[in-house]
Structures are given as C-alpha cells and as structure tokens.
Amino acid sequence: MNGHDPVWLADMRWLAGYRHRVAEVAAALLEAFSESRTLIDGARSVGDPIAVLPVLYHLLWSRNWWWIWQSGWRGGRW
C-alpha cells in the first residue's frame, strides 16, 4: 500500500487483528455459557477477565445474548 503513513498502516494491521480476536473470544463465550454459570466464572473460563469482559458486556448490551437473561444465568451473582 503505497502512499499511506506507516503509522496508519501499523494501526490498521493491529485493528484488523483485534477484530479477529474479538470474534474468537465471542465464540468461546458462547461455548462457555452453554452451561449455567456466573458471568465472572464464564469470563474466567475463556481467559483473562480484563480482556474477556469487554466482549461479554458488548454482547449483552447489544442484546446479542438476550437468552442469557432468560436461561440458566444465575442472576445477581457476579
């Protein structure tokens, strides 16, 4: 890619890699919550909660996981 700032190119490569990691974390979270568990236990089962919880919260806030509230999630226990 000629003509682009090298810093901009490095940022775009990093962002592209992040997108793929988010998809992998989301898929792992889906698997983790196939059984009843608390949010923090599910996050820990996937990886470091510092990296996993933002993806989990995004899925919840965007209502992609409305079924967590309707299924086996143990509400009130974080």
PDB file of N, CA and C in Angstrom:
ATOM      1  N   MET A   1       0.849  -1.170   0.000  1.00  0.00           N
ATOM      2  CA  MET A   1       0.000   0.000   0.000  1.00  0.00           C
ATOM      3  C   MET A   1       0.895   1.233   0.000  1.00  0.00           C
ATOM      4  N   ASN A   2       1.125   1.739  -1.132  1.00  0.00           N
ATOM      5  CA  ASN A   2       1.980   2.908  -1.271  1.00  0.00           C
ATOM      6  C   ASN A   2       1.213   4.180  -0.947  1.00  0.00           C
ATOM      7  N   GLY A   3       1.938   5.139  -0.413  1.00  0.00           N
ATOM      8  CA  GLY A   3       1.355   6.449  -0.176  1.00  0.00           C
ATOM      9  C   GLY A   3       0.693   6.623   1.178  1.00  0.00           C
ATOM     10  N   HIS A   4       0.593   5.566   1.974  1.00  0.00           N
ATOM     11  CA  HIS A   4      -0.017   5.688   3.294  1.00  0.00           C
ATOM     12  C   HIS A   4       1.056   5.866   4.354  1.00  0.00           C
ATOM     13  N   ASP A   5       0.698   6.600   5.373  1.00  0.00           N
ATOM     14  CA  ASP A   5       1.582   6.809   6.509  1.00  0.00           C
ATOM     15  C   ASP A   5       1.882   5.466   7.171  1.00  0.00           C
ATOM     16  N   PRO A   6       3.157   5.164   7.464  1.00  0.00           N
ATOM     17  CA  PRO A   6       3.489   3.878   8.089  1.00  0.00           C
ATOM     18  C   PRO A   6       2.811   3.657   9.437  1.00  0.00           C
ATOM     19  N   VAL A   7       2.618   4.706  10.192  1.00  0.00           N
ATOM     20  CA  VAL A   7       1.938   4.584  11.486  1.00  0.00           C
ATOM     21  C   VAL A   7       0.475   4.197  11.260  1.00  0.00           C
ATOM     22  N   TRP A   8      -0.164   4.813  10.284  1.00  0.00           N
ATOM     23  CA  TRP A   8      -1.553   4.494   9.958  1.00  0.00           C
ATOM     24  C   TRP A   8      -1.669   3.035   9.531  1.00  0.00           C
ATOM     25  N   LEU A   9      -0.737   2.583   8.684  1.00  0.00           N
ATOM     26  CA  LEU A   9      -0.757   1.185   8.247  1.00  0.00           C
ATOM     27  C   LEU A   9      -0.589   0.228   9.419  1.00  0.00           C
ATOM     28  N   ALA A  10       0.324   0.553  10.338  1.00  0.00           N
ATOM     29  CA  ALA A  10       0.524  -0.294  11.516  1.00  0.00           C
ATOM     30  C   ALA A  10      -0.742  -0.335  12.360  1.00  0.00           C
ATOM     31  N   ASP A  11      -1.404   0.797  12.514  1.00  0.00           N
ATOM     32  CA  ASP A  11      -2.657   0.848  13.285  1.00  0.00           C
ATOM     33  C   ASP A  11      -3.736  -0.004  12.629  1.00  0.00           C
ATOM     34  N   MET A  12      -3.844   0.062  11.323  1.00  0.00           N
ATOM     35  CA  MET A  12      -4.864  -0.718  10.613  1.00  0.00           C
ATOM     36  C   MET A  12      -4.597  -2.215  10.752  1.00  0.00           C
ATOM     37  N   ARG A  13      -3.320  -2.605  10.675  1.00  0.00           N
ATOM     38  CA  ARG A  13      -2.997  -4.022  10.858  1.00  0.00           C
ATOM     39  C   ARG A  13      -3.360  -4.483  12.267  1.00  0.00           C
ATOM     40  N   TRP A  14      -3.068  -3.645  13.254  1.00  0.00           N
ATOM     41  CA  TRP A  14      -3.383  -4.000  14.641  1.00  0.00           C
ATOM     42  C   TRP A  14      -4.899  -4.121  14.821  1.00  0.00           C
ATOM     43  N   LEU A  15      -5.640  -3.151  14.295  1.00  0.00           N
ATOM     44  CA  LEU A  15      -7.097  -3.198  14.421  1.00  0.00           C
ATOM     45  C   LEU A  15      -7.680  -4.421  13.721  1.00  0.00           C
ATOM     46  N   ALA A  16      -7.149  -4.782  12.583  1.00  0.00           N
ATOM     47  CA  ALA A  16      -7.642  -5.961  11.877  1.00  0.00           C
ATOM     48  C   ALA A  16      -7.417  -7.220  12.705  1.00  0.00           C
ATOM     49  N   GLY A  17      -6.287  -7.302  13.367  1.00  0.00           N
ATOM     50  CA  GLY A  17      -6.026  -8.443  14.237  1.00  0.00           C
ATOM     51  C   GLY A  17      -6.948  -8.470  15.438  1.00  0.00           C
ATOM     52  N   TYR A  18      -7.264  -7.309  15.991  1.00  0.00           N
ATOM     53  CA  TYR A  18      -8.163  -7.225  17.134  1.00  0.00           C
ATOM     54  C   TYR A  18      -9.553  -7.725  16.761  1.00  0.00           C
ATOM     55  N   ARG A  19      -9.997  -7.394  15.575  1.00  0.00           N
ATOM     56  CA  ARG A  19     -11.322  -7.835  15.131  1.00  0.00           C
ATOM     57  C   ARG A  19     -11.409  -9.353  15.167  1.00  0.00           C
ATOM     58  N   HIS A  20     -10.382 -10.029  14.733  1.00  0.00           N
ATOM     59  CA  HIS A  20     -10.404 -11.485  14.720  1.00  0.00           C
ATOM     60  C   HIS A  20     -10.360 -12.045  16.136  1.00  0.00           C
ATOM     61  N   ARG A  21      -9.608 -11.413  17.036  1.00  0.00           N
ATOM     62  CA  ARG A  21      -9.568 -11.881  18.413  1.00  0.00           C
ATOM     63  C   ARG A  21     -10.925 -11.715  19.082  1.00  0.00           C
ATOM     64  N   VAL A  22     -11.620 -10.641  18.785  1.00  0.00           N
ATOM     65  CA  VAL A  22     -12.949 -10.431  19.364  1.00  0.00           C
ATOM     66  C   VAL A  22     -13.893 -11.540  18.915  1.00  0.00           C
ATOM     67  N   ALA A  23     -13.833 -11.901  17.654  1.00  0.00           N
ATOM     68  CA  ALA A  23     -14.696 -12.977  17.153  1.00  0.00           C
ATOM     69  C   ALA A  23     -14.378 -14.300  17.840  1.00  0.00           C
ATOM     70  N   GLU A  24     -13.095 -14.563  18.065  1.00  0.00           N
ATOM     71  CA  GLU A  24     -12.708 -15.800  18.745  1.00  0.00           C
ATOM     72  C   GLU A  24     -13.183 -15.804  20.193  1.00  0.00           C
ATOM     73  N   VAL A  25     -13.045 -14.662  20.869  1.00  0.00           N
ATOM     74  CA  VAL A  25     -13.494 -14.556  22.267  1.00  0.00           C
ATOM     75  C   VAL A  25     -15.006 -14.719  22.331  1.00  0.00           C
ATOM     76  N   ALA A  26     -15.729 -14.091  21.412  1.00  0.00           N
ATOM     77  CA  ALA A  26     -17.190 -14.201  21.402  1.00  0.00           C
ATOM     78  C   ALA A  26     -17.621 -15.657  21.201  1.00  0.00           C
ATOM     79  N   ALA A  27     -16.961 -16.365  20.314  1.00  0.00           N
ATOM     80  CA  ALA A  27     -17.294 -17.769  20.094  1.00  0.00           C
ATOM     81  C   ALA A  27     -16.996 -18.606  21.337  1.00  0.00           C
ATOM     82  N   ALA A  28     -15.882 -18.315  22.001  1.00  0.00           N
ATOM     83  CA  ALA A  28     -15.534 -19.046  23.225  1.00  0.00           C
ATOM     84  C   ALA A  28     -16.534 -18.740  24.338  1.00  0.00           C
ATOM     85  N   LEU A  29     -17.008 -17.500  24.409  1.00  0.00           N
ATOM     86  CA  LEU A  29     -18.011 -17.141  25.411  1.00  0.00           C
ATOM     87  C   LEU A  29     -19.320 -17.873  25.158  1.00  0.00           C
ATOM     88  N   LEU A  30     -19.700 -17.981  23.913  1.00  0.00           N
ATOM     89  CA  LEU A  30     -20.918 -18.715  23.572  1.00  0.00           C
ATOM     90  C   LEU A  30     -20.825 -20.150  24.073  1.00  0.00           C
ATOM     91  N   GLU A  31     -19.682 -20.754  23.872  1.00  0.00           N
ATOM     92  CA  GLU A  31     -19.473 -22.122  24.349  1.00  0.00           C
ATOM     93  C   GLU A  31     -19.470 -22.168  25.878  1.00  0.00           C
ATOM     94  N   ALA A  32     -18.812 -21.194  26.498  1.00  0.00           N
ATOM     95  CA  ALA A  32     -18.702 -21.179  27.966  1.00  0.00           C
ATOM     96  C   ALA A  32     -20.064 -21.065  28.637  1.00  0.00           C
ATOM     97  N   PHE A  33     -20.983 -20.320  28.026  1.00  0.00           N
ATOM     98  CA  PHE A  33     -22.294 -20.119  28.633  1.00  0.00           C
ATOM     99  C   PHE A  33     -23.334 -21.113  28.131  1.00  0.00           C
ATOM    100  N   SER A  34     -22.867 -22.197  27.528  1.00  0.00           N
ATOM    101  CA  SER A  34     -23.810 -23.252  27.156  1.00  0.00           C
ATOM    102  C   SER A  34     -24.269 -24.010  28.401  1.00  0.00           C
ATOM    103  N   GLU A  35     -23.575 -23.798  29.517  1.00  0.00           N
ATOM    104  CA  GLU A  35     -23.992 -24.350  30.808  1.00  0.00           C
ATOM    105  C   GLU A  35     -24.177 -23.198  31.792  1.00  0.00           C
ATOM    106  N   SER A  36     -24.951 -23.429  32.809  1.00  0.00           N
ATOM    107  CA  SER A  36     -25.266 -22.391  33.784  1.00  0.00           C
ATOM    108  C   SER A  36     -24.030 -22.032  34.605  1.00  0.00           C
ATOM    109  N   ARG A  37     -23.707 -20.735  34.657  1.00  0.00           N
ATOM    110  CA  ARG A  37     -22.583 -20.248  35.454  1.00  0.00           C
ATOM    111  C   ARG A  37     -22.708 -18.745  35.618  1.00  0.00           C
ATOM    112  N   THR A  38     -21.956 -18.207  36.558  1.00  0.00           N
ATOM    113  CA  THR A  38     -21.970 -16.763  36.756  1.00  0.00           C
ATOM    114  C   THR A  38     -21.198 -16.093  35.630  1.00  0.00           C
ATOM    115  N   LEU A  39     -21.420 -14.791  35.453  1.00  0.00           N
ATOM    116  CA  LEU A  39     -20.720 -14.078  34.394  1.00  0.00           C
ATOM    117  C   LEU A  39     -19.214 -14.133  34.587  1.00  0.00           C
ATOM    118  N   ILE A  40     -18.752 -13.894  35.799  1.00  0.00           N
ATOM    119  CA  ILE A  40     -17.306 -13.867  36.027  1.00  0.00           C
ATOM    120  C   ILE A  40     -16.699 -15.253  35.840  1.00  0.00           C
ATOM    121  N   ASP A  41     -17.397 -16.307  36.247  1.00  0.00           N
ATOM    122  CA  ASP A  41     -16.885 -17.667  36.029  1.00  0.00           C
ATOM    123  C   ASP A  41     -16.796 -17.984  34.539  1.00  0.00           C
ATOM    124  N   GLY A  42     -17.802 -17.574  33.796  1.00  0.00           N
ATOM    125  CA  GLY A  42     -17.773 -17.789  32.353  1.00  0.00           C
ATOM    126  C   GLY A  42     -16.650 -17.021  31.688  1.00  0.00           C
ATOM    127  N   ALA A  43     -16.452 -15.780  32.108  1.00  0.00           N
ATOM    128  CA  ALA A  43     -15.364 -14.963  31.557  1.00  0.00           C
ATOM    129  C   ALA A  43     -14.014 -15.578  31.886  1.00  0.00           C
ATOM    130  N   ARG A  44     -13.835 -16.004  33.130  1.00  0.00           N
ATOM    131  CA  ARG A  44     -12.564 -16.615  33.533  1.00  0.00           C
ATOM    132  C   ARG A  44     -12.288 -17.914  32.782  1.00  0.00           C
ATOM    133  N   SER A  45     -13.340 -18.643  32.434  1.00  0.00           N
ATOM    134  CA  SER A  45     -13.128 -19.899  31.717  1.00  0.00           C
ATOM    135  C   SER A  45     -12.612 -19.662  30.299  1.00  0.00           C
ATOM    136  N   VAL A  46     -12.828 -18.462  29.775  1.00  0.00           N
ATOM    137  CA  VAL A  46     -12.387 -18.131  28.418  1.00  0.00           C
ATOM    138  C   VAL A  46     -10.978 -17.540  28.425  1.00  0.00           C
ATOM    139  N   GLY A  47     -10.656 -16.783  29.473  1.00  0.00           N
ATOM    140  CA  GLY A  47      -9.338 -16.152  29.528  1.00  0.00           C
ATOM    141  C   GLY A  47      -9.289 -15.097  30.613  1.00  0.00           C
ATOM    142  N   ASP A  48      -8.357 -14.190  30.468  1.00  0.00           N
ATOM    143  CA  ASP A  48      -8.193 -13.096  31.417  1.00  0.00           C
ATOM    144  C   ASP A  48      -9.437 -12.209  31.384  1.00  0.00           C
ATOM    145  N   PRO A  49     -10.127 -12.053  32.517  1.00  0.00           N
ATOM    146  CA  PRO A  49     -11.341 -11.236  32.525  1.00  0.00           C
ATOM    147  C   PRO A  49     -11.139  -9.811  32.009  1.00  0.00           C
ATOM    148  N   ILE A  50      -9.944  -9.265  32.175  1.00  0.00           N
ATOM    149  CA  ILE A  50      -9.672  -7.912  31.668  1.00  0.00           C
ATOM    150  C   ILE A  50      -9.850  -7.873  30.149  1.00  0.00           C
ATOM    151  N   ALA A  51      -9.497  -8.933  29.469  1.00  0.00           N
ATOM    152  CA  ALA A  51      -9.643  -8.997  28.017  1.00  0.00           C
ATOM    153  C   ALA A  51     -11.009  -9.517  27.590  1.00  0.00           C
ATOM    154  N   VAL A  52     -11.622 -10.359  28.404  1.00  0.00           N
ATOM    155  CA  VAL A  52     -12.859 -11.044  28.011  1.00  0.00           C
ATOM    156  C   VAL A  52     -14.114 -10.240  28.355  1.00  0.00           C
ATOM    157  N   LEU A  53     -14.120  -9.590  29.516  1.00  0.00           N
ATOM    158  CA  LEU A  53     -15.338  -8.898  29.953  1.00  0.00           C
ATOM    159  C   LEU A  53     -15.819  -7.809  28.994  1.00  0.00           C
ATOM    160  N   PRO A  54     -14.936  -7.010  28.383  1.00  0.00           N
ATOM    161  CA  PRO A  54     -15.469  -6.031  27.421  1.00  0.00           C
ATOM    162  C   PRO A  54     -16.250  -6.671  26.277  1.00  0.00           C
ATOM    163  N   VAL A  55     -15.794  -7.818  25.800  1.00  0.00           N
ATOM    164  CA  VAL A  55     -16.519  -8.513  24.730  1.00  0.00           C
ATOM    165  C   VAL A  55     -17.852  -9.034  25.263  1.00  0.00           C
ATOM    166  N   LEU A  56     -17.842  -9.599  26.456  1.00  0.00           N
ATOM    167  CA  LEU A  56     -19.069 -10.105  27.067  1.00  0.00           C
ATOM    168  C   LEU A  56     -20.081  -8.987  27.280  1.00  0.00           C
ATOM    169  N   TYR A  57     -19.625  -7.855  27.829  1.00  0.00           N
ATOM    170  CA  TYR A  57     -20.531  -6.728  28.052  1.00  0.00           C
ATOM    171  C   TYR A  57     -21.084  -6.187  26.735  1.00  0.00           C
ATOM    172  N   HIS A  58     -20.247  -6.141  25.725  1.00  0.00           N
ATOM    173  CA  HIS A  58     -20.738  -5.672  24.425  1.00  0.00           C
ATOM    174  C   HIS A  58     -21.839  -6.589  23.899  1.00  0.00           C
ATOM    175  N   LEU A  59     -21.631  -7.888  24.024  1.00  0.00           N
ATOM    176  CA  LEU A  59     -22.654  -8.832  23.562  1.00  0.00           C
ATOM    177  C   LEU A  59     -23.953  -8.660  24.343  1.00  0.00           C
ATOM    178  N   LEU A  60     -23.832  -8.432  25.645  1.00  0.00           N
ATOM    179  CA  LEU A  60     -25.031  -8.233  26.461  1.00  0.00           C
ATOM    180  C   LEU A  60     -25.715  -6.913  26.120  1.00  0.00           C
ATOM    181  N   TRP A  61     -24.935  -5.847  26.034  1.00  0.00           N
ATOM    182  CA  TRP A  61     -25.517  -4.525  25.785  1.00  0.00           C
ATOM    183  C   TRP A  61     -26.141  -4.423  24.402  1.00  0.00           C
ATOM    184  N   SER A  62     -25.582  -5.125  23.442  1.00  0.00           N
ATOM    185  CA  SER A  62     -26.130  -5.070  22.091  1.00  0.00           C
ATOM    186  C   SER A  62     -27.277  -6.063  21.911  1.00  0.00           C
ATOM    187  N   ARG A  63     -27.663  -6.706  23.013  1.00  0.00           N
ATOM    188  CA  ARG A  63     -28.774  -7.658  23.039  1.00  0.00           C
ATOM    189  C   ARG A  63     -28.542  -8.875  22.164  1.00  0.00           C
ATOM    190  N   ASN A  64     -27.280  -9.168  21.897  1.00  0.00           N
ATOM    191  CA  ASN A  64     -26.979 -10.383  21.146  1.00  0.00           C
ATOM    192  C   ASN A  64     -27.152 -11.617  22.006  1.00  0.00           C
ATOM    193  N   TRP A  65     -27.169 -11.416  23.309  1.00  0.00           N
ATOM    194  CA  TRP A  65     -27.281 -12.544  24.221  1.00  0.00           C
ATOM    195  C   TRP A  65     -28.486 -12.394  25.115  1.00  0.00           C
ATOM    196  N   TRP A  66     -29.608 -11.996  24.596  1.00  0.00           N
ATOM    197  CA  TRP A  66     -30.802 -11.817  25.415  1.00  0.00           C
ATOM    198  C   TRP A  66     -31.162 -13.097  26.139  1.00  0.00           C
ATOM    199  N   TRP A  67     -30.813 -14.232  25.558  1.00  0.00           N
ATOM    200  CA  TRP A  67     -31.180 -15.521  26.137  1.00  0.00           C
ATOM    201  C   TRP A  67     -30.443 -15.798  27.433  1.00  0.00           C
ATOM    202  N   ILE A  68     -29.306 -15.125  27.683  1.00  0.00           N
ATOM    203  CA  ILE A  68     -28.615 -15.321  28.968  1.00  0.00           C
ATOM    204  C   ILE A  68     -29.564 -14.956  30.106  1.00  0.00           C
ATOM    205  N   TRP A  69     -30.308 -13.890  29.910  1.00  0.00           N
ATOM    206  CA  TRP A  69     -31.208 -13.425  30.969  1.00  0.00           C
ATOM    207  C   TRP A  69     -32.390 -14.373  31.137  1.00  0.00           C
ATOM    208  N   GLN A  70     -32.725 -15.104  30.076  1.00  0.00           N
ATOM    209  CA  GLN A  70     -33.883 -15.985  30.114  1.00  0.00           C
ATOM    210  C   GLN A  70     -33.529 -17.422  30.482  1.00  0.00           C
ATOM    211  N   SER A  71     -32.246 -17.733  30.449  1.00  0.00           N
ATOM    212  CA  SER A  71     -31.860 -19.134  30.616  1.00  0.00           C
ATOM    213  C   SER A  71     -31.224 -19.374  31.994  1.00  0.00           C
ATOM    214  N   GLY A  72     -30.153 -20.106  31.982  1.00  0.00           N
ATOM    215  CA  GLY A  72     -29.572 -20.565  33.239  1.00  0.00           C
ATOM    216  C   GLY A  72     -28.643 -19.605  33.938  1.00  0.00           C
ATOM    217  N   TRP A  73     -28.496 -18.388  33.432  1.00  0.00           N
ATOM    218  CA  TRP A  73     -27.603 -17.453  34.114  1.00  0.00           C
ATOM    219  C   TRP A  73     -28.109 -17.194  35.514  1.00  0.00           C
ATOM    220  N   ARG A  74     -27.211 -17.318  36.480  1.00  0.00           N
ATOM    221  CA  ARG A  74     -27.585 -17.112  37.880  1.00  0.00           C
ATOM    222  C   ARG A  74     -27.572 -15.627  38.189  1.00  0.00           C
ATOM    223  N   GLY A  75     -28.658 -14.952  37.918  1.00  0.00           N
ATOM    224  CA  GLY A  75     -28.753 -13.515  38.114  1.00  0.00           C
ATOM    225  C   GLY A  75     -28.401 -13.092  39.522  1.00  0.00           C
ATOM    226  N   GLY A  76     -27.715 -11.961  39.615  1.00  0.00           N
ATOM    227  CA  GLY A  76     -27.352 -11.402  40.899  1.00  0.00           C
ATOM    228  C   GLY A  76     -26.017 -11.885  41.427  1.00  0.00           C
ATOM    229  N   ARG A  77     -25.467 -12.942  40.857  1.00  0.00           N
ATOM    230  CA  ARG A  77     -24.166 -13.439  41.303  1.00  0.00           C
ATOM    231  C   ARG A  77     -23.119 -13.099  40.254  1.00  0.00           C
ATOM    232  N   TRP A  78     -22.247 -12.206  40.579  1.00  0.00           N
ATOM    233  CA  TRP A  78     -21.207 -11.797  39.661  1.00  0.00           C
ATOM    234  C   TRP A  78     -19.934 -12.416  40.110  1.00  0.00           C
TER     235      TRP A  78
END
